[in-house]
């Protein structure tokens, strides 16, 4: 009886990991020919069969080797920011993501600002049914009054739009499933070139 219970628990953990493919497409397409990459279990692949490895993204870095080592880091992610290589220097910050809506820890709505920025949340936020919405945020380059860089991308409805827009003509990428802010930063910077 105990063995059956342990086996059932393990299968419950393994099956969601196998079925957790997220596909990123060019623009607003869902056509297989427009697939840019496939994400599964911390790795990005060029093909649906998961044979052509592209990047390892376990969390804090995106790496070109399968171990996810710092030496092979293409980007580092910390504090809602993406940095070049393995750096955490302010001058190496490419962008800052400002999340305005999450669901169960996954980013639903956000804006990606050019360069380093600071976010000051006001108390205008609400939580309902696992969804957190921030109604008002102040984004600056210095935490006081210097304006933040321009909005590079807007994330909404599993789509990434160029600039401060959600117009369908500005959609550069779309994706299936749920992703956190670090992986969305990575996708925006790696696959919109």
C-alpha atoms as a PDB file:
ATOM      1  CA  UNK A   1       0.000   0.000   0.000  1.00  0.00           C
ATOM      2  CA  UNK A   2       2.821   2.398   0.891  1.00  0.00           C
ATOM      3  CA  UNK A   3       4.628   1.641  -2.388  1.00  0.00           C
ATOM      4  CA  UNK A   4       1.487   2.378  -4.379  1.00  0.00           C
ATOM      5  CA  UNK A   5       1.028   5.673  -2.544  1.00  0.00           C
ATOM      6  CA  UNK A   6       4.669   6.706  -3.122  1.00  0.00           C
ATOM      7  CA  UNK A   7       4.424   5.735  -6.812  1.00  0.00           C
ATOM      8  CA  UNK A   8       1.241   7.794  -7.223  1.00  0.00           C
ATOM      9  CA  UNK A   9       2.908  10.801  -5.576  1.00  0.00           C
ATOM     10  CA  UNK A  10       5.958  10.548  -7.836  1.00  0.00           C
ATOM     11  CA  UNK A  11       3.810  10.294 -10.971  1.00  0.00           C
ATOM     12  CA  UNK A  12       1.895  13.367  -9.796  1.00  0.00           C
ATOM     13  CA  UNK A  13       5.190  15.259  -9.691  1.00  0.00           C
ATOM     14  CA  UNK A  14       6.616  13.898 -12.944  1.00  0.00           C
ATOM     15  CA  UNK A  15       3.598  14.234 -15.256  1.00  0.00           C
ATOM     16  CA  UNK A  16       3.150  18.010 -14.848  1.00  0.00           C
ATOM     17  CA  UNK A  17       6.874  18.483 -15.608  1.00  0.00           C
ATOM     18  CA  UNK A  18       6.575  16.464 -18.813  1.00  0.00           C
ATOM     19  CA  UNK A  19       3.482  18.344 -19.968  1.00  0.00           C
ATOM     20  CA  UNK A  20       4.823  21.804 -19.074  1.00  0.00           C
ATOM     21  CA  UNK A  21       5.974  22.859 -22.546  1.00  0.00           C
ATOM     22  CA  UNK A  22       5.618  26.547 -23.270  1.00  0.00           C
ATOM     23  CA  UNK A  23       5.893  27.604 -26.891  1.00  0.00           C
ATOM     24  CA  UNK A  24       6.965  31.074 -27.988  1.00  0.00           C
ATOM     25  CA  UNK A  25       5.762  32.277 -31.399  1.00  0.00           C
ATOM     26  CA  UNK A  26       6.596  35.193 -33.689  1.00  0.00           C
ATOM     27  CA  UNK A  27       3.940  37.870 -33.457  1.00  0.00           C
ATOM     28  CA  UNK A  28       0.392  36.820 -32.740  1.00  0.00           C
ATOM     29  CA  UNK A  29       0.708  33.448 -34.500  1.00  0.00           C
ATOM     30  CA  UNK A  30       0.029  30.007 -33.070  1.00  0.00           C
ATOM     31  CA  UNK A  31       1.217  28.226 -36.222  1.00  0.00           C
ATOM     32  CA  UNK A  32       4.006  25.652 -35.719  1.00  0.00           C
ATOM     33  CA  UNK A  33       6.048  27.242 -38.530  1.00  0.00           C
ATOM     34  CA  UNK A  34       6.186  30.484 -36.477  1.00  0.00           C
ATOM     35  CA  UNK A  35       7.472  28.824 -33.291  1.00  0.00           C
ATOM     36  CA  UNK A  36      10.605  30.595 -32.050  1.00  0.00           C
ATOM     37  CA  UNK A  37      11.442  28.303 -29.141  1.00  0.00           C
ATOM     38  CA  UNK A  38      10.108  25.743 -26.708  1.00  0.00           C
ATOM     39  CA  UNK A  39      10.546  26.030 -22.927  1.00  0.00           C
ATOM     40  CA  UNK A  40      10.487  23.038 -20.616  1.00  0.00           C
ATOM     41  CA  UNK A  41      11.878  22.425 -17.159  1.00  0.00           C
ATOM     42  CA  UNK A  42      14.355  25.326 -17.114  1.00  0.00           C
ATOM     43  CA  UNK A  43      15.580  24.835 -20.696  1.00  0.00           C
ATOM     44  CA  UNK A  44      14.869  26.528 -24.017  1.00  0.00           C
ATOM     45  CA  UNK A  45      14.949  24.438 -27.186  1.00  0.00           C
ATOM     46  CA  UNK A  46      14.735  25.274 -30.899  1.00  0.00           C
ATOM     47  CA  UNK A  47      12.532  22.267 -31.682  1.00  0.00           C
ATOM     48  CA  UNK A  48       9.423  20.584 -30.293  1.00  0.00           C
ATOM     49  CA  UNK A  49      11.303  17.307 -29.840  1.00  0.00           C
ATOM     50  CA  UNK A  50      13.646  19.103 -27.387  1.00  0.00           C
ATOM     51  CA  UNK A  51      16.802  17.925 -29.143  1.00  0.00           C
ATOM     52  CA  UNK A  52      18.255  21.315 -30.206  1.00  0.00           C
ATOM     53  CA  UNK A  53      19.267  22.903 -26.894  1.00  0.00           C
ATOM     54  CA  UNK A  54      19.476  26.709 -26.877  1.00  0.00           C
ATOM     55  CA  UNK A  55      19.703  27.987 -23.275  1.00  0.00           C
ATOM     56  CA  UNK A  56      19.461  26.828 -19.679  1.00  0.00           C
ATOM     57  CA  UNK A  57      17.402  29.202 -17.550  1.00  0.00           C
ATOM     58  CA  UNK A  58      17.024  27.736 -14.079  1.00  0.00           C
ATOM     59  CA  UNK A  59      16.227  31.135 -12.559  1.00  0.00           C
ATOM     60  CA  UNK A  60      18.974  33.659 -11.839  1.00  0.00           C
ATOM     61  CA  UNK A  61      20.870  33.317 -15.126  1.00  0.00           C
ATOM     62  CA  UNK A  62      20.399  32.254 -18.729  1.00  0.00           C
ATOM     63  CA  UNK A  63      23.334  30.157 -19.867  1.00  0.00           C
ATOM     64  CA  UNK A  64      24.469  28.592 -23.131  1.00  0.00           C
ATOM     65  CA  UNK A  65      25.584  25.365 -21.444  1.00  0.00           C
ATOM     66  CA  UNK A  66      23.321  22.607 -20.164  1.00  0.00           C
ATOM     67  CA  UNK A  67      24.647  22.940 -16.614  1.00  0.00           C
ATOM     68  CA  UNK A  68      23.562  26.579 -16.356  1.00  0.00           C
ATOM     69  CA  UNK A  69      26.993  27.714 -15.223  1.00  0.00           C
ATOM     70  CA  UNK A  70      27.861  31.336 -14.470  1.00  0.00           C
ATOM     71  CA  UNK A  71      30.834  31.167 -16.875  1.00  0.00           C
ATOM     72  CA  UNK A  72      28.490  30.600 -19.821  1.00  0.00           C
ATOM     73  CA  UNK A  73      25.905  33.180 -18.651  1.00  0.00           C
ATOM     74  CA  UNK A  74      24.381  35.280 -21.398  1.00  0.00           C
ATOM     75  CA  UNK A  75      22.157  37.213 -18.963  1.00  0.00           C
ATOM     76  CA  UNK A  76      21.772  37.552 -15.193  1.00  0.00           C
ATOM     77  CA  UNK A  77      18.433  38.334 -13.543  1.00  0.00           C
ATOM     78  CA  UNK A  78      18.015  39.925 -10.150  1.00  0.00           C
ATOM     79  CA  UNK A  79      15.562  42.367  -8.622  1.00  0.00           C
ATOM     80  CA  UNK A  80      13.416  42.508 -11.759  1.00  0.00           C
ATOM     81  CA  UNK A  81      16.399  43.509 -13.881  1.00  0.00           C
ATOM     82  CA  UNK A  82      18.296  41.843 -16.732  1.00  0.00           C
ATOM     83  CA  UNK A  83      22.077  42.309 -16.955  1.00  0.00           C
ATOM     84  CA  UNK A  84      24.585  41.451 -19.681  1.00  0.00           C
ATOM     85  CA  UNK A  85      26.573  38.284 -19.061  1.00  0.00           C
ATOM     86  CA  UNK A  86      27.167  37.478 -15.415  1.00  0.00           C
ATOM     87  CA  UNK A  87      27.319  41.117 -14.312  1.00  0.00           C
ATOM     88  CA  UNK A  88      25.224  42.896 -11.702  1.00  0.00           C
ATOM     89  CA  UNK A  89      26.743  46.326 -12.358  1.00  0.00           C
ATOM     90  CA  UNK A  90      24.287  49.160 -12.907  1.00  0.00           C
ATOM     91  CA  UNK A  91      25.938  50.132 -16.208  1.00  0.00           C
ATOM     92  CA  UNK A  92      25.390  46.546 -17.503  1.00  0.00           C
ATOM     93  CA  UNK A  93      21.645  46.607 -16.793  1.00  0.00           C
ATOM     94  CA  UNK A  94      19.728  46.221 -20.043  1.00  0.00           C
ATOM     95  CA  UNK A  95      16.208  46.626 -18.684  1.00  0.00           C
ATOM     96  CA  UNK A  96      13.871  46.563 -15.698  1.00  0.00           C
ATOM     97  CA  UNK A  97      10.521  44.796 -15.655  1.00  0.00           C
ATOM     98  CA  UNK A  98       7.673  46.425 -13.750  1.00  0.00           C
ATOM     99  CA  UNK A  99       4.928  43.915 -13.048  1.00  0.00           C
ATOM    100  CA  UNK A 100       1.399  45.196 -12.530  1.00  0.00           C
ATOM    101  CA  UNK A 101      -0.520  41.896 -12.449  1.00  0.00           C
ATOM    102  CA  UNK A 102       0.448  38.406 -11.291  1.00  0.00           C
ATOM    103  CA  UNK A 103      -1.435  35.171 -10.867  1.00  0.00           C
ATOM    104  CA  UNK A 104      -0.005  32.503  -8.579  1.00  0.00           C
ATOM    105  CA  UNK A 105       3.481  34.011  -9.018  1.00  0.00           C
ATOM    106  CA  UNK A 106       3.352  34.214 -12.814  1.00  0.00           C
ATOM    107  CA  UNK A 107       3.517  37.553 -14.611  1.00  0.00           C
ATOM    108  CA  UNK A 108       0.322  38.488 -16.440  1.00  0.00           C
ATOM    109  CA  UNK A 109       0.788  42.228 -17.151  1.00  0.00           C
ATOM    110  CA  UNK A 110       4.045  44.190 -17.112  1.00  0.00           C
ATOM    111  CA  UNK A 111       6.153  46.837 -18.807  1.00  0.00           C
ATOM    112  CA  UNK A 112       9.853  46.482 -19.581  1.00  0.00           C
ATOM    113  CA  UNK A 113      11.781  49.752 -19.239  1.00  0.00           C
ATOM    114  CA  UNK A 114      15.064  50.517 -20.955  1.00  0.00           C
ATOM    115  CA  UNK A 115      17.997  50.290 -18.545  1.00  0.00           C
ATOM    116  CA  UNK A 116      18.047  50.468 -14.774  1.00  0.00           C
ATOM    117  CA  UNK A 117      14.937  51.739 -13.005  1.00  0.00           C
ATOM    118  CA  UNK A 118      13.419  51.784  -9.540  1.00  0.00           C
ATOM    119  CA  UNK A 119       9.780  51.113  -8.777  1.00  0.00           C
ATOM    120  CA  UNK A 120       7.832  52.612  -5.924  1.00  0.00           C
ATOM    121  CA  UNK A 121       4.494  50.914  -5.359  1.00  0.00           C
ATOM    122  CA  UNK A 122       1.693  52.878  -3.856  1.00  0.00           C
ATOM    123  CA  UNK A 123      -0.752  51.091  -1.581  1.00  0.00           C
ATOM    124  CA  UNK A 124      -3.332  50.879  -4.360  1.00  0.00           C
ATOM    125  CA  UNK A 125      -3.249  47.132  -4.908  1.00  0.00           C
ATOM    126  CA  UNK A 126      -5.688  44.327  -4.469  1.00  0.00           C
ATOM    127  CA  UNK A 127      -5.549  40.565  -4.243  1.00  0.00           C
ATOM    128  CA  UNK A 128      -8.452  38.395  -5.342  1.00  0.00           C
ATOM    129  CA  UNK A 129      -8.510  34.674  -6.059  1.00  0.00           C
ATOM    130  CA  UNK A 130      -4.727  34.341  -6.402  1.00  0.00           C
ATOM    131  CA  UNK A 131      -4.509  37.406  -8.681  1.00  0.00           C
ATOM    132  CA  UNK A 132      -2.555  40.450  -7.495  1.00  0.00           C
ATOM    133  CA  UNK A 133      -3.066  43.749  -9.296  1.00  0.00           C
ATOM    134  CA  UNK A 134      -1.003  46.875  -8.594  1.00  0.00           C
ATOM    135  CA  UNK A 135      -3.071  49.904  -9.494  1.00  0.00           C
ATOM    136  CA  UNK A 136      -0.415  52.598  -9.182  1.00  0.00           C
ATOM    137  CA  UNK A 137       3.369  52.541  -9.468  1.00  0.00           C
ATOM    138  CA  UNK A 138       6.018  55.227  -9.746  1.00  0.00           C
ATOM    139  CA  UNK A 139       8.919  54.216 -11.988  1.00  0.00           C
ATOM    140  CA  UNK A 140      12.041  56.397 -11.964  1.00  0.00           C
ATOM    141  CA  UNK A 141      15.697  56.115 -12.896  1.00  0.00           C
ATOM    142  CA  UNK A 142      16.861  57.147  -9.411  1.00  0.00           C
ATOM    143  CA  UNK A 143      13.996  56.349  -7.033  1.00  0.00           C
ATOM    144  CA  UNK A 144      13.168  60.047  -6.723  1.00  0.00           C
ATOM    145  CA  UNK A 145      12.320  62.144  -9.739  1.00  0.00           C
ATOM    146  CA  UNK A 146      14.574  61.308 -12.712  1.00  0.00           C
ATOM    147  CA  UNK A 147      12.402  59.760 -15.421  1.00  0.00           C
ATOM    148  CA  UNK A 148      12.838  56.089 -16.205  1.00  0.00           C
ATOM    149  CA  UNK A 149      13.985  55.004 -19.641  1.00  0.00           C
ATOM    150  CA  UNK A 150      11.450  54.447 -22.371  1.00  0.00           C
ATOM    151  CA  UNK A 151       9.117  51.452 -22.351  1.00  0.00           C
ATOM    152  CA  UNK A 152      10.711  48.808 -24.593  1.00  0.00           C
ATOM    153  CA  UNK A 153       8.001  46.161 -24.304  1.00  0.00           C
ATOM    154  CA  UNK A 154       4.522  45.701 -22.843  1.00  0.00           C
ATOM    155  CA  UNK A 155       3.353  42.266 -21.688  1.00  0.00           C
ATOM    156  CA  UNK A 156      -0.356  41.514 -21.626  1.00  0.00           C
ATOM    157  CA  UNK A 157      -2.544  38.493 -22.386  1.00  0.00           C
ATOM    158  CA  UNK A 158       0.415  36.136 -23.081  1.00  0.00           C
ATOM    159  CA  UNK A 159       1.760  38.540 -25.700  1.00  0.00           C
ATOM    160  CA  UNK A 160       4.790  40.799 -25.835  1.00  0.00           C
ATOM    161  CA  UNK A 161       4.276  44.099 -27.640  1.00  0.00           C
ATOM    162  CA  UNK A 162       6.902  46.561 -28.823  1.00  0.00           C
ATOM    163  CA  UNK A 163       6.896  49.838 -26.868  1.00  0.00           C
ATOM    164  CA  UNK A 164       4.102  51.114 -24.662  1.00  0.00           C
ATOM    165  CA  UNK A 165       1.349  49.503 -26.718  1.00  0.00           C
ATOM    166  CA  UNK A 166      -1.098  46.619 -26.790  1.00  0.00           C
ATOM    167  CA  UNK A 167      -2.100  47.226 -30.393  1.00  0.00           C
ATOM    168  CA  UNK A 168      -2.152  43.922 -32.349  1.00  0.00           C
ATOM    169  CA  UNK A 169       0.168  45.388 -35.015  1.00  0.00           C
ATOM    170  CA  UNK A 170       2.839  45.898 -32.306  1.00  0.00           C
ATOM    171  CA  UNK A 171       2.787  42.267 -31.092  1.00  0.00           C
ATOM    172  CA  UNK A 172       6.294  40.822 -31.511  1.00  0.00           C
ATOM    173  CA  UNK A 173       5.931  37.535 -29.602  1.00  0.00           C
ATOM    174  CA  UNK A 174       3.175  35.418 -28.088  1.00  0.00           C
ATOM    175  CA  UNK A 175       3.464  32.411 -25.806  1.00  0.00           C
ATOM    176  CA  UNK A 176       1.440  29.597 -24.337  1.00  0.00           C
ATOM    177  CA  UNK A 177       1.328  28.858 -20.620  1.00  0.00           C
ATOM    178  CA  UNK A 178       2.611  30.865 -17.671  1.00  0.00           C
ATOM    179  CA  UNK A 179       6.040  32.448 -17.212  1.00  0.00           C
ATOM    180  CA  UNK A 180       7.672  34.467 -14.470  1.00  0.00           C
ATOM    181  CA  UNK A 181       9.213  37.903 -14.981  1.00  0.00           C
ATOM    182  CA  UNK A 182      12.829  36.680 -15.418  1.00  0.00           C
ATOM    183  CA  UNK A 183      11.885  34.326 -18.257  1.00  0.00           C
ATOM    184  CA  UNK A 184       9.759  37.015 -19.906  1.00  0.00           C
ATOM    185  CA  UNK A 185      12.720  39.419 -19.756  1.00  0.00           C
ATOM    186  CA  UNK A 186      14.896  36.732 -21.315  1.00  0.00           C
ATOM    187  CA  UNK A 187      12.411  35.977 -24.093  1.00  0.00           C
ATOM    188  CA  UNK A 188      11.938  39.658 -24.897  1.00  0.00           C
ATOM    189  CA  UNK A 189      15.683  40.285 -25.157  1.00  0.00           C
ATOM    190  CA  UNK A 190      16.756  37.072 -26.813  1.00  0.00           C
ATOM    191  CA  UNK A 191      14.009  36.400 -29.314  1.00  0.00           C
ATOM    192  CA  UNK A 192      12.913  39.845 -30.533  1.00  0.00           C
ATOM    193  CA  UNK A 193      16.261  40.623 -32.223  1.00  0.00           C
END
